């Protein structure tokens, strides 16, 4: 594995861990009626590579599972990211 692949793997691990934790924090804040993390931020974390962590957080904490933009948006983001990864890999771009 070259250096670029290593950095990309570390980035994806980190951003997915952050997304997972942030979804948990937002669920906790929702239960306590405290200041919430904006939905835009939650979706942005998924879009910049944390989609698996976001999906896992949604499932584990049952958070945002009924909101259509999360219920359908997060799986669509995952599909697009996987398709991009396959394309980049098969064309030896990354």
Protein backbone atom coordinates (compact mmCIF):
# COMPACT_ATOMS: atom_id res chain seq x y z
CA UNK A 1 0.00 0.00 0.00
CA UNK A 2 1.50 3.32 -0.99
CA UNK A 3 1.53 6.47 1.11
CA UNK A 4 -1.57 7.96 -0.55
CA UNK A 5 -3.56 4.82 0.19
CA UNK A 6 -2.39 4.88 3.80
CA UNK A 7 -3.43 8.50 4.25
CA UNK A 8 -6.78 7.82 2.61
CA UNK A 9 -7.41 4.80 4.84
CA UNK A 10 -6.54 6.79 7.99
CA UNK A 11 -8.75 9.66 6.83
CA UNK A 12 -11.71 7.37 6.20
CA UNK A 13 -11.29 5.65 9.56
CA UNK A 14 -11.10 9.02 11.33
CA UNK A 15 -14.03 10.70 9.54
CA UNK A 16 -16.26 7.66 10.05
CA UNK A 17 -15.38 7.53 13.75
CA UNK A 18 -16.14 11.26 14.04
CA UNK A 19 -19.47 10.88 12.21
CA UNK A 20 -20.46 7.93 14.41
CA UNK A 21 -19.63 9.82 17.60
CA UNK A 22 -21.32 13.05 16.45
CA UNK A 23 -24.55 11.19 15.65
CA UNK A 24 -24.42 9.72 19.17
CA UNK A 25 -23.83 13.14 20.71
CA UNK A 26 -26.75 14.61 18.78
CA UNK A 27 -29.03 11.80 19.93
CA UNK A 28 -27.97 12.41 23.53
CA UNK A 29 -28.65 16.14 23.14
CA UNK A 30 -32.05 15.41 21.60
CA UNK A 31 -33.03 13.32 24.62
CA UNK A 32 -31.87 16.04 27.02
CA UNK A 33 -33.55 18.87 25.04
CA UNK A 34 -30.22 20.66 24.63
CA UNK A 35 -28.62 22.58 21.76
CA UNK A 36 -28.50 20.29 18.71
CA UNK A 37 -26.00 19.68 15.96
CA UNK A 38 -27.38 21.10 12.69
CA UNK A 39 -28.69 18.54 10.19
CA UNK A 40 -26.45 20.14 7.57
CA UNK A 41 -23.41 19.24 9.66
CA UNK A 42 -24.60 15.66 10.10
CA UNK A 43 -25.14 15.26 6.36
CA UNK A 44 -21.84 16.98 5.55
CA UNK A 45 -19.96 14.50 7.71
CA UNK A 46 -21.48 11.70 5.65
CA UNK A 47 -20.75 13.44 2.35
CA UNK A 48 -17.06 14.01 3.10
CA UNK A 49 -16.44 10.32 3.70
CA UNK A 50 -18.18 9.47 6.96
CA UNK A 51 -21.25 7.83 5.47
CA UNK A 52 -20.64 4.39 7.01
CA UNK A 53 -20.13 5.96 10.45
CA UNK A 54 -23.24 8.09 9.98
CA UNK A 55 -25.29 5.06 8.96
CA UNK A 56 -23.95 3.03 11.90
CA UNK A 57 -24.76 5.89 14.29
CA UNK A 58 -28.27 6.15 12.89
CA UNK A 59 -28.82 2.43 13.39
CA UNK A 60 -27.20 2.04 16.80
CA UNK A 61 -28.82 5.07 18.41
CA UNK A 62 -32.03 5.03 16.32
CA UNK A 63 -31.32 8.63 15.40
CA UNK A 64 -32.74 10.44 12.36
CA UNK A 65 -34.08 7.15 11.01
CA UNK A 66 -37.49 8.61 10.16
CA UNK A 67 -36.23 11.79 8.50
CA UNK A 68 -36.38 11.18 4.75
CA UNK A 69 -33.20 13.12 3.98
CA UNK A 70 -31.33 10.77 6.34
CA UNK A 71 -33.32 7.58 5.75
CA UNK A 72 -32.70 7.79 2.00
CA UNK A 73 -29.87 10.31 1.79
CA UNK A 74 -27.25 8.42 3.79
CA UNK A 75 -27.67 5.16 1.81
CA UNK A 76 -27.52 7.15 -1.45
CA UNK A 77 -24.29 8.81 -0.28
CA UNK A 78 -22.86 5.37 0.59
CA UNK A 79 -23.75 4.01 -2.85
CA UNK A 80 -22.21 7.03 -4.59
CA UNK A 81 -19.03 6.81 -2.51
CA UNK A 82 -18.65 3.08 -3.17
CA UNK A 83 -19.24 3.64 -6.89
CA UNK A 84 -16.60 6.39 -6.89
CA UNK A 85 -14.13 4.17 -5.02
CA UNK A 86 -14.68 1.30 -7.49
CA UNK A 87 -14.27 3.65 -10.45
CA UNK A 88 -11.06 5.15 -9.07
CA UNK A 89 -9.66 1.73 -8.22
CA UNK A 90 -10.50 0.06 -11.53
CA UNK A 91 -9.01 2.97 -13.48
CA UNK A 92 -5.88 3.04 -11.28
CA UNK A 93 -6.50 6.69 -10.40
CA UNK A 94 -6.00 6.21 -6.67
